[in-house]
Amino acid sequence: MSLSNSKPGKLFYSIGEVARMFNVNTSLIRFWEKEFDIIKPKKNKKGNRLFSQEDVDNFFIIYHLVKERGYTLQGAKEKLRQNKDETLKDIEIVKTLKKLKQFLLDIDQDF
């Protein structure tokens, strides 16, 4: 299950691609990588970070907690440590509700 809107079947993403997915600067991606031990990119021979789908999904969780829910970094770390599964369920509910809202707005525009 992929939480983000990444490309299905793609194995690795560059730091630029991940930053564009979340509309943030690459410096924030590097910062979150250092702050959250659930982000573990591979590095190629040049030293460029290559993020897996799991890393991207973890960025989505961090983004949701910090940017959308207003958690501090420490609060987000504690939430992930205490109950990552519950947080994933909450995120899925929020995504479903957002899709439903957009669907209803689209229907309203048709009338």
PDB file of N, CA and C in Angstrom:
ATOM      1  N   MET A   1       0.846  -1.185   0.000  1.00  0.00           N
ATOM      2  CA  MET A   1       0.000   0.000   0.000  1.00  0.00           C
ATOM      3  C   MET A   1       0.884   1.239   0.000  1.00  0.00           C
ATOM      4  N   SER A   2       0.673   2.110  -0.943  1.00  0.00           N
ATOM      5  CA  SER A   2       1.417   3.350  -1.028  1.00  0.00           C
ATOM      6  C   SER A   2       0.540   4.490  -0.531  1.00  0.00           C
ATOM      7  N   LEU A   3       1.087   5.275   0.365  1.00  0.00           N
ATOM      8  CA  LEU A   3       0.333   6.394   0.925  1.00  0.00           C
ATOM      9  C   LEU A   3       0.395   7.627   0.038  1.00  0.00           C
ATOM     10  N   SER A   4       1.489   7.787  -0.665  1.00  0.00           N
ATOM     11  CA  SER A   4       1.686   9.011  -1.434  1.00  0.00           C
ATOM     12  C   SER A   4       1.225   8.839  -2.876  1.00  0.00           C
ATOM     13  N   ASN A   5       1.335   9.916  -3.621  1.00  0.00           N
ATOM     14  CA  ASN A   5       0.950   9.914  -5.031  1.00  0.00           C
ATOM     15  C   ASN A   5       2.166   9.663  -5.910  1.00  0.00           C
ATOM     16  N   SER A   6       3.004   8.716  -5.529  1.00  0.00           N
ATOM     17  CA  SER A   6       4.194   8.416  -6.309  1.00  0.00           C
ATOM     18  C   SER A   6       3.841   7.483  -7.465  1.00  0.00           C
ATOM     19  N   LYS A   7       4.832   7.258  -8.318  1.00  0.00           N
ATOM     20  CA  LYS A   7       4.615   6.427  -9.498  1.00  0.00           C
ATOM     21  C   LYS A   7       4.669   4.953  -9.116  1.00  0.00           C
ATOM     22  N   PRO A   8       3.635   4.184  -9.454  1.00  0.00           N
ATOM     23  CA  PRO A   8       3.666   2.758  -9.130  1.00  0.00           C
ATOM     24  C   PRO A   8       4.769   2.037  -9.890  1.00  0.00           C
ATOM     25  N   GLY A   9       5.440   1.127  -9.224  1.00  0.00           N
ATOM     26  CA  GLY A   9       6.470   0.339  -9.865  1.00  0.00           C
ATOM     27  C   GLY A   9       7.850   0.966  -9.874  1.00  0.00           C
ATOM     28  N   LYS A  10       7.967   2.224  -9.513  1.00  0.00           N
ATOM     29  CA  LYS A  10       9.275   2.869  -9.478  1.00  0.00           C
ATOM     30  C   LYS A  10       9.987   2.447  -8.197  1.00  0.00           C
ATOM     31  N   LEU A  11      11.246   2.037  -8.317  1.00  0.00           N
ATOM     32  CA  LEU A  11      11.966   1.523  -7.159  1.00  0.00           C
ATOM     33  C   LEU A  11      12.566   2.610  -6.282  1.00  0.00           C
ATOM     34  N   PHE A  12      13.171   3.623  -6.906  1.00  0.00           N
ATOM     35  CA  PHE A  12      13.833   4.665  -6.128  1.00  0.00           C
ATOM     36  C   PHE A  12      13.510   6.045  -6.689  1.00  0.00           C
ATOM     37  N   TYR A  13      13.546   7.024  -5.789  1.00  0.00           N
ATOM     38  CA  TYR A  13      13.252   8.411  -6.133  1.00  0.00           C
ATOM     39  C   TYR A  13      14.426   9.278  -5.699  1.00  0.00           C
ATOM     40  N   SER A  14      14.760  10.264  -6.508  1.00  0.00           N
ATOM     41  CA  SER A  14      15.814  11.212  -6.141  1.00  0.00           C
ATOM     42  C   SER A  14      15.267  12.175  -5.092  1.00  0.00           C
ATOM     43  N   ILE A  15      16.158  12.892  -4.443  1.00  0.00           N
ATOM     44  CA  ILE A  15      15.734  13.852  -3.427  1.00  0.00           C
ATOM     45  C   ILE A  15      14.864  14.942  -4.050  1.00  0.00           C
ATOM     46  N   GLY A  16      15.177  15.320  -5.293  1.00  0.00           N
ATOM     47  CA  GLY A  16      14.373  16.332  -5.987  1.00  0.00           C
ATOM     48  C   GLY A  16      12.954  15.855  -6.246  1.00  0.00           C
ATOM     49  N   GLU A  17      12.827  14.594  -6.644  1.00  0.00           N
ATOM     50  CA  GLU A  17      11.495  14.035  -6.888  1.00  0.00           C
ATOM     51  C   GLU A  17      10.677  13.987  -5.600  1.00  0.00           C
ATOM     52  N   VAL A  18      11.310  13.583  -4.509  1.00  0.00           N
ATOM     53  CA  VAL A  18      10.604  13.516  -3.221  1.00  0.00           C
ATOM     54  C   VAL A  18      10.192  14.914  -2.783  1.00  0.00           C
ATOM     55  N   ALA A  19      11.078  15.877  -2.933  1.00  0.00           N
ATOM     56  CA  ALA A  19      10.754  17.256  -2.554  1.00  0.00           C
ATOM     57  C   ALA A  19       9.567  17.781  -3.359  1.00  0.00           C
ATOM     58  N   ARG A  20       9.521  17.479  -4.658  1.00  0.00           N
ATOM     59  CA  ARG A  20       8.403  17.925  -5.496  1.00  0.00           C
ATOM     60  C   ARG A  20       7.095  17.241  -5.097  1.00  0.00           C
ATOM     61  N   MET A  21       7.159  15.977  -4.687  1.00  0.00           N
ATOM     62  CA  MET A  21       5.943  15.269  -4.255  1.00  0.00           C
ATOM     63  C   MET A  21       5.249  15.993  -3.107  1.00  0.00           C
ATOM     64  N   PHE A  22       6.055  16.589  -2.234  1.00  0.00           N
ATOM     65  CA  PHE A  22       5.502  17.235  -1.039  1.00  0.00           C
ATOM     66  C   PHE A  22       5.550  18.757  -1.117  1.00  0.00           C
ATOM     67  N   ASN A  23       6.029  19.272  -2.258  1.00  0.00           N
ATOM     68  CA  ASN A  23       6.119  20.713  -2.472  1.00  0.00           C
ATOM     69  C   ASN A  23       6.929  21.387  -1.362  1.00  0.00           C
ATOM     70  N   VAL A  24       8.092  20.807  -1.075  1.00  0.00           N
ATOM     71  CA  VAL A  24       9.005  21.348  -0.067  1.00  0.00           C
ATOM     72  C   VAL A  24      10.398  21.435  -0.672  1.00  0.00           C
ATOM     73  N   ASN A  25      11.299  22.105   0.021  1.00  0.00           N
ATOM     74  CA  ASN A  25      12.687  22.205  -0.435  1.00  0.00           C
ATOM     75  C   ASN A  25      13.444  20.914  -0.128  1.00  0.00           C
ATOM     76  N   THR A  26      14.474  20.648  -0.920  1.00  0.00           N
ATOM     77  CA  THR A  26      15.303  19.461  -0.678  1.00  0.00           C
ATOM     78  C   THR A  26      15.981  19.539   0.690  1.00  0.00           C
ATOM     79  N   SER A  27      16.248  20.750   1.163  1.00  0.00           N
ATOM     80  CA  SER A  27      16.879  20.883   2.487  1.00  0.00           C
ATOM     81  C   SER A  27      15.971  20.326   3.587  1.00  0.00           C
ATOM     82  N   LEU A  28      14.659  20.478   3.438  1.00  0.00           N
ATOM     83  CA  LEU A  28      13.741  19.920   4.429  1.00  0.00           C
ATOM     84  C   LEU A  28      13.759  18.395   4.376  1.00  0.00           C
ATOM     85  N   ILE A  29      13.862  17.831   3.182  1.00  0.00           N
ATOM     86  CA  ILE A  29      13.949  16.376   3.034  1.00  0.00           C
ATOM     87  C   ILE A  29      15.210  15.873   3.737  1.00  0.00           C
ATOM     88  N   ARG A  30      16.342  16.541   3.513  1.00  0.00           N
ATOM     89  CA  ARG A  30      17.592  16.143   4.184  1.00  0.00           C
ATOM     90  C   ARG A  30      17.459  16.280   5.702  1.00  0.00           C
ATOM     91  N   PHE A  31      16.828  17.359   6.165  1.00  0.00           N
ATOM     92  CA  PHE A  31      16.654  17.582   7.595  1.00  0.00           C
ATOM     93  C   PHE A  31      15.802  16.480   8.218  1.00  0.00           C
ATOM     94  N   TRP A  32      14.666  16.181   7.587  1.00  0.00           N
ATOM     95  CA  TRP A  32      13.797  15.126   8.122  1.00  0.00           C
ATOM     96  C   TRP A  32      14.500  13.774   8.097  1.00  0.00           C
ATOM     97  N   GLU A  33      15.317  13.538   7.092  1.00  0.00           N
ATOM     98  CA  GLU A  33      16.081  12.282   7.026  1.00  0.00           C
ATOM     99  C   GLU A  33      16.965  12.146   8.264  1.00  0.00           C
ATOM    100  N   LYS A  34      17.599  13.247   8.668  1.00  0.00           N
ATOM    101  CA  LYS A  34      18.467  13.219   9.849  1.00  0.00           C
ATOM    102  C   LYS A  34      17.663  13.082  11.143  1.00  0.00           C
ATOM    103  N   GLU A  35      16.499  13.695  11.177  1.00  0.00           N
ATOM    104  CA  GLU A  35      15.685  13.727  12.400  1.00  0.00           C
ATOM    105  C   GLU A  35      14.908  12.433  12.649  1.00  0.00           C
ATOM    106  N   PHE A  36      14.485  11.749  11.594  1.00  0.00           N
ATOM    107  CA  PHE A  36      13.619  10.575  11.725  1.00  0.00           C
ATOM    108  C   PHE A  36      14.361   9.325  11.262  1.00  0.00           C
ATOM    109  N   ASP A  37      14.550   8.387  12.173  1.00  0.00           N
ATOM    110  CA  ASP A  37      15.317   7.182  11.839  1.00  0.00           C
ATOM    111  C   ASP A  37      14.549   6.203  10.952  1.00  0.00           C
ATOM    112  N   ILE A  38      13.285   6.484  10.659  1.00  0.00           N
ATOM    113  CA  ILE A  38      12.531   5.605   9.754  1.00  0.00           C
ATOM    114  C   ILE A  38      12.837   5.914   8.287  1.00  0.00           C
ATOM    115  N   ILE A  39      13.570   6.990   8.027  1.00  0.00           N
ATOM    116  CA  ILE A  39      13.974   7.350   6.669  1.00  0.00           C
ATOM    117  C   ILE A  39      15.398   6.830   6.469  1.00  0.00           C
ATOM    118  N   LYS A  40      15.541   5.890   5.530  1.00  0.00           N
ATOM    119  CA  LYS A  40      16.847   5.259   5.318  1.00  0.00           C
ATOM    120  C   LYS A  40      17.151   5.170   3.826  1.00  0.00           C
ATOM    121  N   PRO A  41      17.544   6.292   3.208  1.00  0.00           N
ATOM    122  CA  PRO A  41      17.815   6.232   1.768  1.00  0.00           C
ATOM    123  C   PRO A  41      19.104   5.465   1.459  1.00  0.00           C
ATOM    124  N   LYS A  42      19.132   4.891   0.285  1.00  0.00           N
ATOM    125  CA  LYS A  42      20.367   4.298  -0.234  1.00  0.00           C
ATOM    126  C   LYS A  42      21.145   5.448  -0.862  1.00  0.00           C
ATOM    127  N   LYS A  43      22.430   5.235  -1.066  1.00  0.00           N
ATOM    128  CA  LYS A  43      23.226   6.233  -1.778  1.00  0.00           C
ATOM    129  C   LYS A  43      23.943   5.542  -2.927  1.00  0.00           C
ATOM    130  N   ASN A  44      23.945   6.228  -4.083  1.00  0.00           N
ATOM    131  CA  ASN A  44      24.643   5.660  -5.229  1.00  0.00           C
ATOM    132  C   ASN A  44      26.135   5.984  -5.126  1.00  0.00           C
ATOM    133  N   LYS A  45      26.898   5.619  -6.150  1.00  0.00           N
ATOM    134  CA  LYS A  45      28.353   5.819  -6.117  1.00  0.00           C
ATOM    135  C   LYS A  45      28.734   7.285  -5.994  1.00  0.00           C
ATOM    136  N   LYS A  46      27.891   8.158  -6.520  1.00  0.00           N
ATOM    137  CA  LYS A  46      28.149   9.598  -6.439  1.00  0.00           C
ATOM    138  C   LYS A  46      27.753  10.180  -5.084  1.00  0.00           C
ATOM    139  N   GLY A  47      27.052   9.384  -4.268  1.00  0.00           N
ATOM    140  CA  GLY A  47      26.611   9.872  -2.965  1.00  0.00           C
ATOM    141  C   GLY A  47      25.221  10.471  -2.983  1.00  0.00           C
ATOM    142  N   ASN A  48      24.529  10.378  -4.136  1.00  0.00           N
ATOM    143  CA  ASN A  48      23.164  10.904  -4.224  1.00  0.00           C
ATOM    144  C   ASN A  48      22.210   9.992  -3.463  1.00  0.00           C
ATOM    145  N   ARG A  49      21.271  10.595  -2.757  1.00  0.00           N
ATOM    146  CA  ARG A  49      20.278   9.825  -2.017  1.00  0.00           C
ATOM    147  C   ARG A  49      19.249   9.221  -2.969  1.00  0.00           C
ATOM    148  N   LEU A  50      18.899   7.970  -2.713  1.00  0.00           N
ATOM    149  CA  LEU A  50      17.865   7.284  -3.476  1.00  0.00           C
ATOM    150  C   LEU A  50      16.845   6.750  -2.475  1.00  0.00           C
ATOM    151  N   PHE A  51      15.648   7.315  -2.532  1.00  0.00           N
ATOM    152  CA  PHE A  51      14.611   6.981  -1.561  1.00  0.00           C
ATOM    153  C   PHE A  51      13.701   5.890  -2.105  1.00  0.00           C
ATOM    154  N   SER A  52      13.437   4.872  -1.280  1.00  0.00           N
ATOM    155  CA  SER A  52      12.543   3.781  -1.659  1.00  0.00           C
ATOM    156  C   SER A  52      11.085   4.224  -1.484  1.00  0.00           C
ATOM    157  N   GLN A  53      10.166   3.385  -1.960  1.00  0.00           N
ATOM    158  CA  GLN A  53       8.738   3.677  -1.768  1.00  0.00           C
ATOM    159  C   GLN A  53       8.406   3.736  -0.280  1.00  0.00           C
ATOM    160  N   GLU A  54       9.031   2.880   0.513  1.00  0.00           N
ATOM    161  CA  GLU A  54       8.806   2.912   1.959  1.00  0.00           C
ATOM    162  C   GLU A  54       9.254   4.242   2.559  1.00  0.00           C
ATOM    163  N   ASP A  55      10.409   4.760   2.096  1.00  0.00           N
ATOM    164  CA  ASP A  55      10.873   6.073   2.553  1.00  0.00           C
ATOM    165  C   ASP A  55       9.858   7.156   2.189  1.00  0.00           C
ATOM    166  N   VAL A  56       9.358   7.103   0.957  1.00  0.00           N
ATOM    167  CA  VAL A  56       8.380   8.102   0.500  1.00  0.00           C
ATOM    168  C   VAL A  56       7.115   8.024   1.359  1.00  0.00           C
ATOM    169  N   ASP A  57       6.657   6.805   1.641  1.00  0.00           N
ATOM    170  CA  ASP A  57       5.479   6.640   2.496  1.00  0.00           C
ATOM    171  C   ASP A  57       5.739   7.187   3.906  1.00  0.00           C
ATOM    172  N   ASN A  58       6.947   6.973   4.411  1.00  0.00           N
ATOM    173  CA  ASN A  58       7.287   7.515   5.731  1.00  0.00           C
ATOM    174  C   ASN A  58       7.357   9.041   5.702  1.00  0.00           C
ATOM    175  N   PHE A  59       7.868   9.610   4.600  1.00  0.00           N
ATOM    176  CA  PHE A  59       7.834  11.068   4.452  1.00  0.00           C
ATOM    177  C   PHE A  59       6.391  11.564   4.466  1.00  0.00           C
ATOM    178  N   PHE A  60       5.498  10.820   3.828  1.00  0.00           N
ATOM    179  CA  PHE A  60       4.094  11.210   3.804  1.00  0.00           C
ATOM    180  C   PHE A  60       3.530  11.266   5.226  1.00  0.00           C
ATOM    181  N   ILE A  61       3.878  10.281   6.043  1.00  0.00           N
ATOM    182  CA  ILE A  61       3.421  10.267   7.438  1.00  0.00           C
ATOM    183  C   ILE A  61       3.978  11.469   8.189  1.00  0.00           C
ATOM    184  N   ILE A  62       5.275  11.710   8.029  1.00  0.00           N
ATOM    185  CA  ILE A  62       5.912  12.843   8.710  1.00  0.00           C
ATOM    186  C   ILE A  62       5.285  14.152   8.242  1.00  0.00           C
ATOM    187  N   TYR A  63       5.108  14.300   6.934  1.00  0.00           N
ATOM    188  CA  TYR A  63       4.498  15.505   6.376  1.00  0.00           C
ATOM    189  C   TYR A  63       3.106  15.711   6.967  1.00  0.00           C
ATOM    190  N   HIS A  64       2.325  14.644   7.005  1.00  0.00           N
ATOM    191  CA  HIS A  64       0.967  14.728   7.550  1.00  0.00           C
ATOM    192  C   HIS A  64       0.987  15.198   9.006  1.00  0.00           C
ATOM    193  N   LEU A  65       1.840  14.598   9.808  1.00  0.00           N
ATOM    194  CA  LEU A  65       1.886  14.952  11.227  1.00  0.00           C
ATOM    195  C   LEU A  65       2.390  16.377  11.453  1.00  0.00           C
ATOM    196  N   VAL A  66       3.466  16.747  10.762  1.00  0.00           N
ATOM    197  CA  VAL A  66       4.106  18.041  11.010  1.00  0.00           C
ATOM    198  C   VAL A  66       3.400  19.190  10.292  1.00  0.00           C
ATOM    199  N   LYS A  67       3.157  19.027   9.006  1.00  0.00           N
ATOM    200  CA  LYS A  67       2.619  20.134   8.204  1.00  0.00           C
ATOM    201  C   LYS A  67       1.094  20.237   8.259  1.00  0.00           C
ATOM    202  N   GLU A  68       0.404  19.091   8.283  1.00  0.00           N
ATOM    203  CA  GLU A  68      -1.061  19.133   8.249  1.00  0.00           C
ATOM    204  C   GLU A  68      -1.682  19.113   9.643  1.00  0.00           C
ATOM    205  N   ARG A  69      -1.092  18.386  10.558  1.00  0.00           N
ATOM    206  CA  ARG A  69      -1.661  18.263  11.902  1.00  0.00           C
ATOM    207  C   ARG A  69      -1.005  19.205  12.911  1.00  0.00           C
ATOM    208  N   GLY A  70       0.137  19.794  12.562  1.00  0.00           N
ATOM    209  CA  GLY A  70       0.781  20.780  13.423  1.00  0.00           C
ATOM    210  C   GLY A  70       1.623  20.213  14.556  1.00  0.00           C
ATOM    211  N   TYR A  71       2.025  18.955  14.442  1.00  0.00           N
ATOM    212  CA  TYR A  71       2.883  18.368  15.468  1.00  0.00           C
ATOM    213  C   TYR A  71       4.265  19.006  15.421  1.00  0.00           C
ATOM    214  N   THR A  72       4.920  19.089  16.585  1.00  0.00           N
ATOM    215  CA  THR A  72       6.333  19.447  16.611  1.00  0.00           C
ATOM    216  C   THR A  72       7.109  18.221  16.132  1.00  0.00           C
ATOM    217  N   LEU A  73       8.380  18.406  15.822  1.00  0.00           N
ATOM    218  CA  LEU A  73       9.182  17.256  15.411  1.00  0.00           C
ATOM    219  C   LEU A  73       9.232  16.208  16.521  1.00  0.00           C
ATOM    220  N   GLN A  74       9.418  16.662  17.751  1.00  0.00           N
ATOM    221  CA  GLN A  74       9.456  15.729  18.874  1.00  0.00           C
ATOM    222  C   GLN A  74       8.106  15.026  19.034  1.00  0.00           C
ATOM    223  N   GLY A  75       7.027  15.760  18.886  1.00  0.00           N
ATOM    224  CA  GLY A  75       5.692  15.172  18.985  1.00  0.00           C
ATOM    225  C   GLY A  75       5.447  14.137  17.898  1.00  0.00           C
ATOM    226  N   ALA A  76       5.909  14.432  16.683  1.00  0.00           N
ATOM    227  CA  ALA A  76       5.757  13.484  15.579  1.00  0.00           C
ATOM    228  C   ALA A  76       6.581  12.224  15.839  1.00  0.00           C
ATOM    229  N   LYS A  77       7.790  12.395  16.357  1.00  0.00           N
ATOM    230  CA  LYS A  77       8.632  11.234  16.677  1.00  0.00           C
ATOM    231  C   LYS A  77       7.950  10.350  17.713  1.00  0.00           C
ATOM    232  N   GLU A  78       7.394  10.975  18.748  1.00  0.00           N
ATOM    233  CA  GLU A  78       6.717  10.209  19.801  1.00  0.00           C
ATOM    234  C   GLU A  78       5.475   9.501  19.257  1.00  0.00           C
ATOM    235  N   LYS A  79       4.711  10.185  18.422  1.00  0.00           N
ATOM    236  CA  LYS A  79       3.512   9.584  17.831  1.00  0.00           C
ATOM    237  C   LYS A  79       3.885   8.354  17.000  1.00  0.00           C
ATOM    238  N   LEU A  80       4.940   8.462  16.219  1.00  0.00           N
ATOM    239  CA  LEU A  80       5.387   7.335  15.405  1.00  0.00           C
ATOM    240  C   LEU A  80       5.903   6.188  16.277  1.00  0.00           C
ATOM    241  N   ARG A  81       6.595   6.537  17.351  1.00  0.00           N
ATOM    242  CA  ARG A  81       7.145   5.519  18.239  1.00  0.00           C
ATOM    243  C   ARG A  81       6.031   4.801  19.005  1.00  0.00           C
ATOM    244  N   GLN A  82       5.025   5.555  19.417  1.00  0.00           N
ATOM    245  CA  GLN A  82       3.950   4.986  20.233  1.00  0.00           C
ATOM    246  C   GLN A  82       2.970   4.158  19.409  1.00  0.00           C
ATOM    247  N   ASN A  83       2.551   4.703  18.270  1.00  0.00           N
ATOM    248  CA  ASN A  83       1.505   3.990  17.544  1.00  0.00           C
ATOM    249  C   ASN A  83       1.492   4.357  16.072  1.00  0.00           C
ATOM    250  N   LYS A  84       2.438   3.808  15.323  1.00  0.00           N
ATOM    251  CA  LYS A  84       2.534   4.098  13.887  1.00  0.00           C
ATOM    252  C   LYS A  84       1.325   3.541  13.138  1.00  0.00           C
ATOM    253  N   ASP A  85       0.838   2.351  13.530  1.00  0.00           N
ATOM    254  CA  ASP A  85      -0.295   1.740  12.823  1.00  0.00           C
ATOM    255  C   ASP A  85      -1.555   2.594  12.923  1.00  0.00           C
ATOM    256  N   GLU A  86      -1.824   3.139  14.101  1.00  0.00           N
ATOM    257  CA  GLU A  86      -2.994   4.001  14.280  1.00  0.00           C
ATOM    258  C   GLU A  86      -2.854   5.266  13.437  1.00  0.00           C
ATOM    259  N   THR A  87      -1.652   5.803  13.380  1.00  0.00           N
ATOM    260  CA  THR A  87      -1.398   6.992  12.569  1.00  0.00           C
ATOM    261  C   THR A  87      -1.645   6.690  11.094  1.00  0.00           C
ATOM    262  N   LEU A  88      -1.215   5.509  10.628  1.00  0.00           N
ATOM    263  CA  LEU A  88      -1.448   5.120   9.230  1.00  0.00           C
ATOM    264  C   LEU A  88      -2.941   5.029   8.935  1.00  0.00           C
ATOM    265  N   LYS A  89      -3.694   4.458   9.854  1.00  0.00           N
ATOM    266  CA  LYS A  89      -5.149   4.361   9.663  1.00  0.00           C
ATOM    267  C   LYS A  89      -5.772   5.751   9.593  1.00  0.00           C
ATOM    268  N   ASP A  90      -5.337   6.641  10.481  1.00  0.00           N
ATOM    269  CA  ASP A  90      -5.852   8.014  10.474  1.00  0.00           C
ATOM    270  C   ASP A  90      -5.565   8.701   9.142  1.00  0.00           C
ATOM    271  N   ILE A  91      -4.361   8.506   8.622  1.00  0.00           N
ATOM    272  CA  ILE A  91      -3.982   9.124   7.355  1.00  0.00           C
ATOM    273  C   ILE A  91      -4.853   8.587   6.218  1.00  0.00           C
ATOM    274  N   GLU A  92      -5.100   7.288   6.210  1.00  0.00           N
ATOM    275  CA  GLU A  92      -5.948   6.696   5.173  1.00  0.00           C
ATOM    276  C   GLU A  92      -7.370   7.257   5.241  1.00  0.00           C
ATOM    277  N   ILE A  93      -7.876   7.454   6.444  1.00  0.00           N
ATOM    278  CA  ILE A  93      -9.218   8.031   6.611  1.00  0.00           C
ATOM    279  C   ILE A  93      -9.238   9.453   6.063  1.00  0.00           C
ATOM    280  N   VAL A  94      -8.223  10.234   6.401  1.00  0.00           N
ATOM    281  CA  VAL A  94      -8.153  11.618   5.923  1.00  0.00           C
ATOM    282  C   VAL A  94      -8.070  11.652   4.399  1.00  0.00           C
ATOM    283  N   LYS A  95      -7.254  10.774   3.804  1.00  0.00           N
ATOM    284  CA  LYS A  95      -7.144  10.733   2.338  1.00  0.00           C
ATOM    285  C   LYS A  95      -8.486  10.374   1.703  1.00  0.00           C
ATOM    286  N   THR A  96      -9.185   9.410   2.288  1.00  0.00           N
ATOM    287  CA  THR A  96     -10.488   9.008   1.757  1.00  0.00           C
ATOM    288  C   THR A  96     -11.483  10.155   1.846  1.00  0.00           C
ATOM    289  N   LEU A  97     -11.489  10.848   2.958  1.00  0.00           N
ATOM    290  CA  LEU A  97     -12.398  11.984   3.129  1.00  0.00           C
ATOM    291  C   LEU A  97     -12.075  13.107   2.140  1.00  0.00           C
ATOM    292  N   LYS A  98     -10.786  13.354   1.896  1.00  0.00           N
ATOM    293  CA  LYS A  98     -10.401  14.386   0.923  1.00  0.00           C
ATOM    294  C   LYS A  98     -10.875  14.016  -0.481  1.00  0.00           C
ATOM    295  N   LYS A  99     -10.727  12.737  -0.840  1.00  0.00           N
ATOM    296  CA  LYS A  99     -11.196  12.281  -2.161  1.00  0.00           C
ATOM    297  C   LYS A  99     -12.705  12.426  -2.269  1.00  0.00           C
ATOM    298  N   LEU A 100     -13.410  12.070  -1.211  1.00  0.00           N
ATOM    299  CA  LEU A 100     -14.865  12.190  -1.186  1.00  0.00           C
ATOM    300  C   LEU A 100     -15.283  13.651  -1.322  1.00  0.00           C
ATOM    301  N   LYS A 101     -14.594  14.526  -0.604  1.00  0.00           N
ATOM    302  CA  LYS A 101     -14.893  15.952  -0.686  1.00  0.00           C
ATOM    303  C   LYS A 101     -14.704  16.462  -2.116  1.00  0.00           C
ATOM    304  N   GLN A 102     -13.588  16.064  -2.750  1.00  0.00           N
ATOM    305  CA  GLN A 102     -13.329  16.497  -4.121  1.00  0.00           C
ATOM    306  C   GLN A 102     -14.382  15.956  -5.073  1.00  0.00           C
ATOM    307  N   PHE A 103     -14.781  14.710  -4.876  1.00  0.00           N
ATOM    308  CA  PHE A 103     -15.826  14.102  -5.691  1.00  0.00           C
ATOM    309  C   PHE A 103     -17.124  14.898  -5.583  1.00  0.00           C
ATOM    310  N   LEU A 104     -17.496  15.244  -4.364  1.00  0.00           N
ATOM    311  CA  LEU A 104     -18.725  16.007  -4.150  1.00  0.00           C
ATOM    312  C   LEU A 104     -18.634  17.407  -4.755  1.00  0.00           C
ATOM    313  N   LEU A 105     -17.464  18.025  -4.641  1.00  0.00           N
ATOM    314  CA  LEU A 105     -17.273  19.339  -5.241  1.00  0.00           C
ATOM    315  C   LEU A 105     -17.366  19.263  -6.763  1.00  0.00           C
ATOM    316  N   ASP A 106     -16.820  18.197  -7.330  1.00  0.00           N
ATOM    317  CA  ASP A 106     -16.890  18.002  -8.783  1.00  0.00           C
ATOM    318  C   ASP A 106     -18.342  17.807  -9.235  1.00  0.00           C
ATOM    319  N   ILE A 107     -19.098  17.059  -8.477  1.00  0.00           N
ATOM    320  CA  ILE A 107     -20.521  16.848  -8.802  1.00  0.00           C
ATOM    321  C   ILE A 107     -21.269  18.165  -8.722  1.00  0.00           C
ATOM    322  N   ASP A 108     -20.980  18.955  -7.689  1.00  0.00           N
ATOM    323  CA  ASP A 108     -21.653  20.245  -7.494  1.00  0.00           C
ATOM    324  C   ASP A 108     -21.374  21.182  -8.671  1.00  0.00           C
ATOM    325  N   GLN A 109     -20.174  21.139  -9.229  1.00  0.00           N
ATOM    326  CA  GLN A 109     -19.817  21.996 -10.361  1.00  0.00           C
ATOM    327  C   GLN A 109     -20.547  21.572 -11.635  1.00  0.00           C
ATOM    328  N   ASP A 110     -20.912  20.305 -11.721  1.00  0.00           N
ATOM    329  CA  ASP A 110     -21.613  19.819 -12.907  1.00  0.00           C
ATOM    330  C   ASP A 110     -23.063  20.299 -12.959  1.00  0.00           C
ATOM    331  N   PHE A 111     -23.589  20.747 -11.826  1.00  0.00           N
ATOM    332  CA  PHE A 111     -24.989  21.169 -11.788  1.00  0.00           C
ATOM    333  C   PHE A 111     -25.138  22.653 -11.795  1.00  0.00           C
TER     334      PHE A 111
END
